[in-house]
């Protein structure tokens, strides 16, 4: 089972990623964590990505695809993945789809967590205060939300058109959201299995 988890900063992707990976028995891959690990390790890719992360901008598509795709394909072949934070643009999604399909690692369903911007800002400011995250100033938070609206929001339409997207209200409690997502994913996968079975019966 391969699941993409999409939502603006502060929508709870990290929390749901951890909860759902345990519930579904698949690996949780957080693109932001993987990128930050590269930065901390001082790798060539990490150094190139650092300036983008510090100002809350999207890391260039080719750089992110080069980093994330091998990790994602490996997880798919180990039993499945729940991928949080990638792809973040339609261009990334198209390239990732092409390469993932070649390796039988494409996403089965896309989970979208949504919440109003004022709720997201307050959550992120509170997290910054608790965790002391230097990259979560108000200016950077507002910029990250603008970047999401401009560049990542079109992903919603892209995945809706492909019939993969399921929406959820990120203002509910984490427990409720996890239960709702689990039920929806089960329904989507059962329907897909039924369609495949029906197609196989066609002479």
N, C-alpha and C. Protein backbone atom coordinates (compact mmCIF):
# COMPACT_ATOMS: atom_id res chain seq x y z
N UNK A 1 0.84 -1.19 0.00
CA UNK A 1 0.00 0.00 0.00
C UNK A 1 0.88 1.25 0.00
N UNK A 2 0.67 2.13 -0.95
CA UNK A 2 1.47 3.34 -1.08
C UNK A 2 0.57 4.56 -0.97
N UNK A 3 0.86 5.42 0.01
CA UNK A 3 -0.01 6.55 0.34
C UNK A 3 0.78 7.85 0.31
N UNK A 4 0.23 8.87 -0.34
CA UNK A 4 0.80 10.21 -0.28
C UNK A 4 0.00 11.04 0.72
N UNK A 5 0.69 11.83 1.53
CA UNK A 5 0.06 12.68 2.55
C UNK A 5 0.40 14.12 2.22
N UNK A 6 -0.64 14.90 1.89
CA UNK A 6 -0.45 16.29 1.46
C UNK A 6 -1.22 17.22 2.38
N UNK A 7 -0.64 18.39 2.64
CA UNK A 7 -1.32 19.40 3.43
C UNK A 7 -0.39 20.57 3.65
N UNK A 8 -0.94 21.75 3.96
CA UNK A 8 -0.09 22.91 4.20
C UNK A 8 0.72 22.76 5.47
N UNK A 9 1.74 23.58 5.67
CA UNK A 9 2.50 23.54 6.93
C UNK A 9 1.55 23.74 8.11
N UNK A 10 1.72 22.91 9.15
CA UNK A 10 0.87 23.02 10.32
C UNK A 10 -0.40 22.21 10.27
N UNK A 11 -0.62 21.46 9.20
CA UNK A 11 -1.86 20.69 9.07
C UNK A 11 -1.82 19.36 9.80
N UNK A 12 -0.66 19.01 10.37
CA UNK A 12 -0.56 17.77 11.13
C UNK A 12 -0.05 16.59 10.34
N UNK A 13 0.65 16.85 9.25
CA UNK A 13 1.15 15.74 8.43
C UNK A 13 2.10 14.84 9.20
N UNK A 14 2.98 15.45 9.99
CA UNK A 14 3.94 14.65 10.75
C UNK A 14 3.26 13.73 11.75
N UNK A 15 2.29 14.29 12.48
CA UNK A 15 1.54 13.50 13.46
C UNK A 15 0.79 12.37 12.79
N UNK A 16 0.07 12.68 11.72
CA UNK A 16 -0.69 11.65 11.04
C UNK A 16 0.22 10.64 10.34
N UNK A 17 1.36 11.10 9.86
CA UNK A 17 2.30 10.17 9.24
C UNK A 17 2.74 9.10 10.21
N UNK A 18 3.09 9.52 11.43
CA UNK A 18 3.53 8.56 12.45
C UNK A 18 2.39 7.62 12.85
N UNK A 19 1.21 8.20 13.08
CA UNK A 19 0.07 7.39 13.53
C UNK A 19 -0.37 6.40 12.44
N UNK A 20 -0.45 6.88 11.21
CA UNK A 20 -0.94 6.03 10.13
C UNK A 20 0.06 4.95 9.74
N UNK A 21 1.35 5.27 9.81
CA UNK A 21 2.34 4.24 9.46
C UNK A 21 2.25 3.07 10.43
N UNK A 22 2.01 3.37 11.70
CA UNK A 22 1.84 2.30 12.69
C UNK A 22 0.54 1.55 12.46
N UNK A 23 -0.52 2.30 12.20
CA UNK A 23 -1.84 1.68 12.00
C UNK A 23 -1.86 0.79 10.76
N UNK A 24 -1.22 1.26 9.69
CA UNK A 24 -1.27 0.55 8.42
C UNK A 24 -0.10 -0.40 8.20
N UNK A 25 0.93 -0.29 9.05
CA UNK A 25 2.08 -1.17 8.92
C UNK A 25 2.96 -0.86 7.73
N UNK A 26 3.08 0.43 7.39
CA UNK A 26 3.93 0.84 6.27
C UNK A 26 4.91 1.92 6.75
N UNK A 27 5.97 2.13 5.99
CA UNK A 27 7.01 3.08 6.39
C UNK A 27 6.55 4.53 6.22
N UNK A 28 6.88 5.36 7.21
CA UNK A 28 6.60 6.79 7.12
C UNK A 28 7.85 7.50 6.63
N UNK A 29 7.75 8.14 5.47
CA UNK A 29 8.86 8.89 4.90
C UNK A 29 8.49 10.37 4.90
N UNK A 30 9.22 11.19 5.66
CA UNK A 30 8.97 12.62 5.72
C UNK A 30 10.04 13.36 4.92
N UNK A 31 9.63 13.96 3.82
CA UNK A 31 10.59 14.61 2.93
C UNK A 31 11.37 15.70 3.65
N UNK A 32 10.70 16.48 4.51
CA UNK A 32 11.38 17.54 5.23
C UNK A 32 12.46 17.01 6.14
N UNK A 33 12.16 15.91 6.85
CA UNK A 33 13.16 15.31 7.74
C UNK A 33 14.35 14.79 6.96
N UNK A 34 14.06 14.16 5.82
CA UNK A 34 15.14 13.60 4.99
C UNK A 34 16.03 14.72 4.45
N UNK A 35 15.41 15.82 4.02
CA UNK A 35 16.18 16.96 3.53
C UNK A 35 17.02 17.58 4.65
N UNK A 36 16.40 17.75 5.83
CA UNK A 36 17.13 18.34 6.96
C UNK A 36 18.30 17.46 7.38
N UNK A 37 18.12 16.14 7.29
CA UNK A 37 19.22 15.23 7.62
C UNK A 37 20.38 15.41 6.64
N UNK A 38 20.04 15.63 5.37
CA UNK A 38 21.09 15.89 4.38
C UNK A 38 21.83 17.19 4.69
N UNK A 39 21.07 18.20 5.11
CA UNK A 39 21.69 19.49 5.46
C UNK A 39 22.61 19.31 6.66
N UNK A 40 22.12 18.61 7.69
CA UNK A 40 22.91 18.40 8.91
C UNK A 40 24.18 17.61 8.62
N UNK A 41 24.09 16.68 7.68
CA UNK A 41 25.24 15.84 7.34
C UNK A 41 26.25 16.59 6.46
N UNK A 42 25.83 17.74 5.94
CA UNK A 42 26.73 18.52 5.10
C UNK A 42 27.04 17.90 3.77
N UNK A 43 26.11 17.10 3.25
CA UNK A 43 26.32 16.49 1.94
C UNK A 43 26.22 17.55 0.85
N UNK A 44 26.64 17.19 -0.34
CA UNK A 44 26.56 18.14 -1.46
C UNK A 44 25.12 18.58 -1.69
N UNK A 45 24.20 17.60 -1.69
CA UNK A 45 22.79 17.92 -1.87
C UNK A 45 22.28 18.77 -0.71
N UNK A 46 22.69 18.42 0.51
CA UNK A 46 22.25 19.16 1.68
C UNK A 46 22.68 20.61 1.65
N UNK A 47 23.90 20.86 1.24
CA UNK A 47 24.40 22.24 1.17
C UNK A 47 23.65 23.05 0.12
N UNK A 48 23.30 22.40 -0.98
CA UNK A 48 22.55 23.09 -2.03
C UNK A 48 21.12 23.39 -1.58
N UNK A 49 20.55 22.47 -0.79
CA UNK A 49 19.17 22.64 -0.34
C UNK A 49 19.05 23.63 0.82
N UNK A 50 20.12 23.84 1.55
CA UNK A 50 20.09 24.61 2.80
C UNK A 50 19.52 26.01 2.61
N UNK A 51 19.97 26.70 1.57
CA UNK A 51 19.52 28.08 1.38
C UNK A 51 18.03 28.16 1.10
N UNK A 52 17.48 27.15 0.42
CA UNK A 52 16.04 27.14 0.14
C UNK A 52 15.25 26.90 1.42
N UNK A 53 15.67 25.93 2.23
CA UNK A 53 14.98 25.60 3.46
C UNK A 53 14.98 26.77 4.43
N UNK A 54 16.07 27.51 4.50
CA UNK A 54 16.19 28.60 5.47
C UNK A 54 15.21 29.73 5.19
N UNK A 55 14.85 29.92 3.93
CA UNK A 55 13.90 30.99 3.63
C UNK A 55 12.48 30.47 3.35
N UNK A 56 12.28 29.17 3.58
CA UNK A 56 10.94 28.61 3.44
C UNK A 56 10.51 28.39 2.01
N UNK A 57 11.45 28.41 1.07
CA UNK A 57 11.13 28.20 -0.34
C UNK A 57 11.20 26.72 -0.70
N UNK A 58 10.58 26.38 -1.82
CA UNK A 58 10.65 25.00 -2.29
C UNK A 58 12.04 24.70 -2.85
N UNK A 59 12.59 23.57 -2.46
CA UNK A 59 13.83 23.09 -3.05
C UNK A 59 13.53 22.73 -4.51
N UNK A 60 14.43 23.01 -5.45
CA UNK A 60 14.17 22.72 -6.87
C UNK A 60 13.72 21.29 -7.12
N UNK A 61 12.81 21.14 -8.08
CA UNK A 61 12.19 19.84 -8.35
C UNK A 61 13.21 18.73 -8.58
N UNK A 62 14.17 18.97 -9.45
CA UNK A 62 15.12 17.91 -9.80
C UNK A 62 15.89 17.44 -8.57
N UNK A 63 16.24 18.37 -7.68
CA UNK A 63 16.99 18.03 -6.48
C UNK A 63 16.16 17.14 -5.55
N UNK A 64 14.89 17.50 -5.39
CA UNK A 64 14.02 16.73 -4.50
C UNK A 64 13.73 15.35 -5.07
N UNK A 65 13.46 15.28 -6.37
CA UNK A 65 13.19 13.99 -7.00
C UNK A 65 14.40 13.06 -6.87
N UNK A 66 15.59 13.60 -7.10
CA UNK A 66 16.81 12.80 -6.99
C UNK A 66 16.98 12.23 -5.59
N UNK A 67 16.59 12.99 -4.58
CA UNK A 67 16.73 12.55 -3.20
C UNK A 67 15.64 11.56 -2.80
N UNK A 68 14.38 11.88 -3.13
CA UNK A 68 13.25 11.15 -2.58
C UNK A 68 12.91 9.87 -3.33
N UNK A 69 13.09 9.85 -4.63
CA UNK A 69 12.59 8.70 -5.39
C UNK A 69 13.26 7.38 -5.01
N UNK A 70 14.58 7.32 -4.87
CA UNK A 70 15.19 6.03 -4.48
C UNK A 70 14.69 5.54 -3.12
N UNK A 71 14.50 6.46 -2.17
CA UNK A 71 14.00 6.09 -0.84
C UNK A 71 12.57 5.57 -0.94
N UNK A 72 11.76 6.24 -1.74
CA UNK A 72 10.35 5.86 -1.90
C UNK A 72 10.21 4.50 -2.58
N UNK A 73 10.94 4.28 -3.64
CA UNK A 73 10.87 3.00 -4.36
C UNK A 73 11.31 1.86 -3.46
N UNK A 74 12.37 2.08 -2.69
CA UNK A 74 12.85 1.03 -1.78
C UNK A 74 11.79 0.68 -0.74
N UNK A 75 11.11 1.71 -0.20
CA UNK A 75 10.06 1.45 0.79
C UNK A 75 8.88 0.71 0.17
N UNK A 76 8.51 1.08 -1.06
CA UNK A 76 7.41 0.40 -1.74
C UNK A 76 7.70 -1.08 -1.90
N UNK A 77 8.93 -1.42 -2.21
CA UNK A 77 9.30 -2.82 -2.41
C UNK A 77 9.42 -3.58 -1.09
N UNK A 78 9.49 -2.84 0.04
CA UNK A 78 9.50 -3.49 1.36
C UNK A 78 8.11 -3.64 1.93
N UNK A 79 7.08 -3.22 1.22
CA UNK A 79 5.73 -3.41 1.71
C UNK A 79 4.85 -2.19 1.66
N UNK A 80 5.41 -1.03 1.34
CA UNK A 80 4.59 0.16 1.20
C UNK A 80 5.15 1.36 1.92
N UNK A 81 4.63 2.53 1.57
CA UNK A 81 5.10 3.77 2.18
C UNK A 81 3.94 4.72 2.43
N UNK A 82 4.16 5.61 3.41
CA UNK A 82 3.31 6.76 3.63
C UNK A 82 4.23 7.97 3.50
N UNK A 83 4.09 8.69 2.40
CA UNK A 83 5.05 9.73 2.03
C UNK A 83 4.47 11.11 2.33
N UNK A 84 5.16 11.84 3.20
CA UNK A 84 4.72 13.15 3.67
C UNK A 84 5.66 14.23 3.13
N UNK A 85 5.12 15.15 2.35
CA UNK A 85 5.91 16.29 1.89
C UNK A 85 6.52 16.16 0.51
N UNK A 86 6.19 15.12 -0.20
CA UNK A 86 6.67 14.94 -1.58
C UNK A 86 5.65 14.10 -2.33
N UNK A 87 5.31 14.50 -3.57
CA UNK A 87 5.76 15.69 -4.28
C UNK A 87 5.07 16.95 -3.76
N UNK A 88 5.68 18.12 -4.03
CA UNK A 88 5.12 19.39 -3.59
C UNK A 88 4.77 20.31 -4.76
N UNK A 89 4.90 19.83 -5.95
CA UNK A 89 4.48 20.59 -7.14
C UNK A 89 4.00 19.60 -8.18
N UNK A 90 3.22 20.09 -9.14
CA UNK A 90 2.71 19.22 -10.19
C UNK A 90 3.87 18.66 -11.02
N UNK A 91 4.87 19.47 -11.28
CA UNK A 91 6.02 18.98 -12.05
C UNK A 91 6.71 17.82 -11.33
N UNK A 92 6.90 17.96 -10.01
CA UNK A 92 7.47 16.85 -9.23
C UNK A 92 6.58 15.63 -9.32
N UNK A 93 5.26 15.84 -9.22
CA UNK A 93 4.32 14.72 -9.24
C UNK A 93 4.36 13.96 -10.56
N UNK A 94 4.42 14.69 -11.66
CA UNK A 94 4.44 14.06 -12.98
C UNK A 94 5.71 13.23 -13.16
N UNK A 95 6.84 13.81 -12.78
CA UNK A 95 8.11 13.09 -12.92
C UNK A 95 8.16 11.90 -11.98
N UNK A 96 7.70 12.09 -10.73
CA UNK A 96 7.71 10.99 -9.77
C UNK A 96 6.79 9.86 -10.22
N UNK A 97 5.62 10.20 -10.77
CA UNK A 97 4.68 9.19 -11.26
C UNK A 97 5.33 8.36 -12.36
N UNK A 98 5.97 9.04 -13.30
CA UNK A 98 6.59 8.33 -14.42
C UNK A 98 7.65 7.35 -13.92
N UNK A 99 8.52 7.81 -13.04
CA UNK A 99 9.60 6.96 -12.56
C UNK A 99 9.10 5.88 -11.60
N UNK A 100 8.12 6.23 -10.77
CA UNK A 100 7.59 5.25 -9.81
C UNK A 100 6.85 4.12 -10.52
N UNK A 101 6.10 4.46 -11.57
CA UNK A 101 5.37 3.42 -12.31
C UNK A 101 6.32 2.44 -12.97
N UNK A 102 7.48 2.93 -13.39
CA UNK A 102 8.48 2.04 -13.99
C UNK A 102 8.97 1.01 -12.97
N UNK A 103 8.91 1.36 -11.68
CA UNK A 103 9.40 0.48 -10.62
C UNK A 103 8.27 -0.13 -9.80
N UNK A 104 7.02 -0.02 -10.30
CA UNK A 104 5.85 -0.55 -9.60
C UNK A 104 5.77 0.02 -8.18
N UNK A 105 5.92 1.34 -8.05
CA UNK A 105 5.93 1.98 -6.74
C UNK A 105 5.04 3.22 -6.69
N UNK A 106 4.08 3.32 -7.61
CA UNK A 106 3.22 4.50 -7.67
C UNK A 106 2.24 4.52 -6.49
N UNK A 107 1.73 5.72 -6.17
CA UNK A 107 0.79 5.88 -5.06
C UNK A 107 -0.56 5.26 -5.38
N UNK A 108 -1.18 4.67 -4.34
CA UNK A 108 -2.52 4.10 -4.47
C UNK A 108 -3.60 5.11 -4.10
N UNK A 109 -3.29 6.01 -3.16
CA UNK A 109 -4.26 6.98 -2.68
C UNK A 109 -3.51 8.21 -2.17
N UNK A 110 -4.18 9.37 -2.27
CA UNK A 110 -3.59 10.63 -1.80
C UNK A 110 -4.49 11.22 -0.72
N UNK A 111 -3.94 11.40 0.47
CA UNK A 111 -4.66 11.97 1.60
C UNK A 111 -4.34 13.46 1.69
N UNK A 112 -5.39 14.29 1.73
CA UNK A 112 -5.19 15.75 1.80
C UNK A 112 -5.76 16.28 3.11
N UNK A 113 -4.89 16.87 3.94
CA UNK A 113 -5.29 17.50 5.20
C UNK A 113 -5.42 19.00 4.99
N UNK A 114 -6.57 19.57 5.36
CA UNK A 114 -6.79 20.99 5.11
C UNK A 114 -7.25 21.70 6.38
N UNK A 115 -6.88 22.98 6.51
CA UNK A 115 -7.30 23.81 7.65
C UNK A 115 -7.13 25.27 7.24
N UNK A 116 -7.89 26.19 7.86
CA UNK A 116 -7.76 27.62 7.54
C UNK A 116 -6.38 28.15 7.89
N UNK A 117 -5.94 29.19 7.17
CA UNK A 117 -4.58 29.72 7.37
C UNK A 117 -4.36 30.26 8.77
N UNK A 118 -5.38 30.88 9.39
CA UNK A 118 -5.17 31.42 10.74
C UNK A 118 -4.91 30.31 11.74
N UNK A 119 -5.57 29.18 11.56
CA UNK A 119 -5.34 28.03 12.43
C UNK A 119 -3.92 27.50 12.23
N UNK A 120 -3.50 27.41 10.98
CA UNK A 120 -2.16 26.90 10.67
C UNK A 120 -1.07 27.80 11.26
N UNK A 121 -1.25 29.12 11.13
CA UNK A 121 -0.25 30.06 11.66
C UNK A 121 -0.12 29.93 13.17
N UNK A 122 -1.25 29.86 13.86
CA UNK A 122 -1.19 29.73 15.32
C UNK A 122 -0.54 28.42 15.75
N UNK A 123 -0.83 27.36 15.05
CA UNK A 123 -0.20 26.07 15.36
C UNK A 123 1.32 26.15 15.19
N UNK A 124 1.75 26.75 14.09
CA UNK A 124 3.18 26.81 13.79
C UNK A 124 3.92 27.74 14.74
N UNK A 125 3.30 28.85 15.12
CA UNK A 125 3.92 29.74 16.10
C UNK A 125 4.05 29.06 17.45
N UNK A 126 3.02 28.32 17.83
CA UNK A 126 3.06 27.59 19.10
C UNK A 126 4.15 26.52 19.07
N UNK A 127 4.27 25.82 17.97
CA UNK A 127 5.31 24.80 17.84
C UNK A 127 6.70 25.43 17.89
N UNK A 128 6.85 26.59 17.25
CA UNK A 128 8.14 27.27 17.25
C UNK A 128 8.54 27.65 18.67
N UNK A 129 7.57 28.11 19.45
CA UNK A 129 7.85 28.51 20.83
C UNK A 129 8.25 27.31 21.68
N UNK A 130 7.55 26.19 21.49
CA UNK A 130 7.81 24.99 22.29
C UNK A 130 9.13 24.34 21.90
N UNK A 131 9.37 24.24 20.60
CA UNK A 131 10.53 23.50 20.11
C UNK A 131 11.74 24.39 19.82
N UNK A 132 11.56 25.70 19.85
CA UNK A 132 12.67 26.59 19.57
C UNK A 132 13.16 26.48 18.14
N UNK A 133 12.24 26.29 17.20
CA UNK A 133 12.61 26.13 15.79
C UNK A 133 12.89 27.48 15.16
N UNK A 134 14.15 27.73 14.81
CA UNK A 134 14.55 29.02 14.25
C UNK A 134 13.90 29.29 12.89
N UNK A 135 13.51 28.23 12.18
CA UNK A 135 12.94 28.42 10.84
C UNK A 135 11.44 28.65 10.88
N UNK A 136 10.84 28.78 12.08
CA UNK A 136 9.40 28.99 12.19
C UNK A 136 9.06 30.37 12.73
N UNK A 137 9.70 31.42 12.22
CA UNK A 137 9.30 32.79 12.54
C UNK A 137 8.01 33.10 11.79
N UNK A 138 7.31 34.16 12.23
CA UNK A 138 6.05 34.52 11.58
C UNK A 138 6.27 34.81 10.10
N UNK A 139 7.34 35.54 9.78
CA UNK A 139 7.61 35.88 8.37
C UNK A 139 7.82 34.63 7.53
N UNK A 140 8.60 33.68 8.04
CA UNK A 140 8.86 32.45 7.29
C UNK A 140 7.59 31.61 7.19
N UNK A 141 6.81 31.55 8.27
CA UNK A 141 5.55 30.79 8.25
C UNK A 141 4.62 31.33 7.18
N UNK A 142 4.44 32.66 7.17
CA UNK A 142 3.55 33.26 6.17
C UNK A 142 4.06 33.00 4.75
N UNK A 143 5.37 33.04 4.58
CA UNK A 143 5.93 32.76 3.26
C UNK A 143 5.71 31.31 2.86
N UNK A 144 5.87 30.39 3.81
CA UNK A 144 5.65 28.97 3.51
C UNK A 144 4.21 28.72 3.08
N UNK A 145 3.26 29.39 3.73
CA UNK A 145 1.86 29.22 3.37
C UNK A 145 1.58 29.82 1.98
N UNK A 146 2.22 30.96 1.67
CA UNK A 146 2.06 31.53 0.33
C UNK A 146 2.64 30.60 -0.73
N UNK A 147 3.80 30.04 -0.44
CA UNK A 147 4.43 29.09 -1.37
C UNK A 147 3.51 27.90 -1.60
N UNK A 148 2.91 27.41 -0.52
CA UNK A 148 1.99 26.28 -0.65
C UNK A 148 0.83 26.63 -1.58
N UNK A 149 0.22 27.79 -1.34
CA UNK A 149 -0.92 28.19 -2.16
C UNK A 149 -0.54 28.31 -3.63
N UNK A 150 0.60 28.89 -3.90
CA UNK A 150 0.99 29.14 -5.29
C UNK A 150 1.47 27.89 -6.02
N UNK A 151 2.24 27.06 -5.33
CA UNK A 151 2.93 25.97 -6.03
C UNK A 151 2.41 24.58 -5.68
N UNK A 152 1.95 24.39 -4.46
CA UNK A 152 1.53 23.05 -4.06
C UNK A 152 0.03 22.84 -4.20
N UNK A 153 -0.77 23.89 -4.02
CA UNK A 153 -2.22 23.76 -4.13
C UNK A 153 -2.65 23.12 -5.46
N UNK A 154 -2.01 23.42 -6.59
CA UNK A 154 -2.41 22.77 -7.84
C UNK A 154 -2.32 21.24 -7.80
N UNK A 155 -1.53 20.70 -6.87
CA UNK A 155 -1.49 19.24 -6.72
C UNK A 155 -2.85 18.67 -6.39
N UNK A 156 -3.63 19.45 -5.62
CA UNK A 156 -4.95 18.97 -5.22
C UNK A 156 -5.80 18.70 -6.46
N UNK A 157 -5.82 19.66 -7.38
CA UNK A 157 -6.58 19.48 -8.63
C UNK A 157 -6.01 18.33 -9.45
N UNK A 158 -4.69 18.24 -9.50
CA UNK A 158 -4.03 17.17 -10.27
C UNK A 158 -4.46 15.79 -9.77
N UNK A 159 -4.42 15.59 -8.45
CA UNK A 159 -4.77 14.28 -7.91
C UNK A 159 -6.28 14.04 -7.91
N UNK A 160 -7.06 15.11 -7.80
CA UNK A 160 -8.52 14.96 -7.94
C UNK A 160 -8.86 14.48 -9.34
N UNK A 161 -8.23 15.06 -10.33
CA UNK A 161 -8.50 14.66 -11.71
C UNK A 161 -8.13 13.21 -11.97
N UNK A 162 -7.12 12.72 -11.25
CA UNK A 162 -6.72 11.32 -11.40
C UNK A 162 -7.55 10.38 -10.53
N UNK A 163 -8.46 10.92 -9.72
CA UNK A 163 -9.32 10.10 -8.89
C UNK A 163 -8.64 9.49 -7.68
N UNK A 164 -7.54 10.09 -7.23
CA UNK A 164 -6.77 9.52 -6.12
C UNK A 164 -6.97 10.26 -4.80
N UNK A 165 -7.52 11.48 -4.84
CA UNK A 165 -7.52 12.35 -3.66
C UNK A 165 -8.70 12.10 -2.74
N UNK A 166 -8.41 12.08 -1.42
CA UNK A 166 -9.45 12.03 -0.39
C UNK A 166 -9.16 13.16 0.59
N UNK A 167 -10.16 14.03 0.86
CA UNK A 167 -9.98 15.21 1.71
C UNK A 167 -10.38 14.93 3.16
N UNK A 168 -9.67 15.61 4.09
CA UNK A 168 -9.98 15.50 5.51
C UNK A 168 -9.81 16.86 6.19
N UNK A 169 -10.66 17.12 7.21
CA UNK A 169 -10.59 18.35 7.98
C UNK A 169 -9.50 18.21 9.04
N UNK A 170 -8.41 18.96 8.90
CA UNK A 170 -7.27 18.85 9.81
C UNK A 170 -7.51 19.53 11.15
N UNK A 171 -8.70 20.12 11.35
CA UNK A 171 -8.99 20.75 12.64
C UNK A 171 -9.52 19.75 13.66
N UNK A 172 -9.89 18.56 13.23
CA UNK A 172 -10.37 17.54 14.16
C UNK A 172 -9.21 17.03 15.00
N UNK A 173 -9.53 16.23 16.03
CA UNK A 173 -8.48 15.68 16.88
C UNK A 173 -7.65 14.67 16.10
N UNK A 174 -6.38 14.48 16.46
CA UNK A 174 -5.53 13.51 15.75
C UNK A 174 -6.15 12.12 15.70
N UNK A 175 -6.78 11.71 16.81
CA UNK A 175 -7.37 10.37 16.86
C UNK A 175 -8.50 10.22 15.85
N UNK A 176 -9.36 11.24 15.78
CA UNK A 176 -10.48 11.20 14.85
C UNK A 176 -9.98 11.20 13.40
N UNK A 177 -9.00 12.04 13.12
CA UNK A 177 -8.46 12.11 11.76
C UNK A 177 -7.85 10.77 11.34
N UNK A 178 -7.09 10.15 12.25
CA UNK A 178 -6.48 8.85 11.93
C UNK A 178 -7.54 7.81 11.61
N UNK A 179 -8.60 7.77 12.42
CA UNK A 179 -9.69 6.81 12.18
C UNK A 179 -10.36 7.06 10.84
N UNK A 180 -10.61 8.34 10.54
CA UNK A 180 -11.28 8.68 9.27
C UNK A 180 -10.41 8.31 8.07
N UNK A 181 -9.12 8.60 8.17
CA UNK A 181 -8.22 8.29 7.05
C UNK A 181 -8.11 6.79 6.85
N UNK A 182 -7.97 6.05 7.95
CA UNK A 182 -7.85 4.59 7.85
C UNK A 182 -9.06 3.98 7.17
N UNK A 183 -10.25 4.45 7.57
CA UNK A 183 -11.48 3.93 6.97
C UNK A 183 -11.56 4.28 5.49
N UNK A 184 -11.18 5.52 5.15
CA UNK A 184 -11.25 5.94 3.75
C UNK A 184 -10.26 5.18 2.88
N UNK A 185 -9.05 4.99 3.39
CA UNK A 185 -8.03 4.25 2.63
C UNK A 185 -8.49 2.82 2.38
N UNK A 186 -9.06 2.20 3.39
CA UNK A 186 -9.56 0.83 3.23
C UNK A 186 -10.62 0.77 2.14
N UNK A 187 -11.52 1.76 2.12
CA UNK A 187 -12.56 1.80 1.11
C UNK A 187 -12.00 1.99 -0.29
N UNK A 188 -11.02 2.89 -0.41
CA UNK A 188 -10.40 3.15 -1.72
C UNK A 188 -9.70 1.91 -2.25
N UNK A 189 -8.95 1.24 -1.37
CA UNK A 189 -8.20 0.06 -1.81
C UNK A 189 -9.12 -1.11 -2.14
N UNK A 190 -10.21 -1.26 -1.39
CA UNK A 190 -11.18 -2.31 -1.69
C UNK A 190 -11.83 -2.06 -3.05
N UNK A 191 -12.17 -0.80 -3.33
CA UNK A 191 -12.78 -0.46 -4.61
C UNK A 191 -11.81 -0.72 -5.76
N UNK A 192 -10.54 -0.37 -5.54
CA UNK A 192 -9.54 -0.59 -6.58
C UNK A 192 -9.35 -2.08 -6.84
N UNK A 193 -9.34 -2.87 -5.77
CA UNK A 193 -9.19 -4.31 -5.91
C UNK A 193 -10.38 -4.90 -6.67
N UNK A 194 -11.58 -4.38 -6.39
CA UNK A 194 -12.77 -4.86 -7.07
C UNK A 194 -12.72 -4.53 -8.56
N UNK A 195 -12.23 -3.31 -8.87
CA UNK A 195 -12.12 -2.94 -10.29
C UNK A 195 -11.12 -3.82 -11.02
N UNK A 196 -10.00 -4.12 -10.35
CA UNK A 196 -8.99 -4.98 -10.98
C UNK A 196 -9.54 -6.39 -11.19
N UNK A 197 -10.28 -6.89 -10.20
CA UNK A 197 -10.86 -8.23 -10.32
C UNK A 197 -11.87 -8.29 -11.46
N UNK A 198 -12.68 -7.24 -11.57
CA UNK A 198 -13.68 -7.19 -12.64
C UNK A 198 -13.00 -7.13 -14.00
N UNK A 199 -11.93 -6.34 -14.08
CA UNK A 199 -11.21 -6.22 -15.36
C UNK A 199 -10.59 -7.54 -15.77
N UNK A 200 -10.12 -8.31 -14.80
CA UNK A 200 -9.49 -9.59 -15.10
C UNK A 200 -10.50 -10.63 -15.60
N UNK A 201 -11.79 -10.40 -15.29
CA UNK A 201 -12.81 -11.35 -15.72
C UNK A 201 -13.29 -11.08 -17.14
N UNK A 202 -12.94 -9.90 -17.65
CA UNK A 202 -13.39 -9.56 -19.00
C UNK A 202 -12.65 -10.43 -20.02
N UNK A 203 -13.37 -11.14 -20.87
CA UNK A 203 -12.71 -12.03 -21.84
C UNK A 203 -11.93 -11.26 -22.90
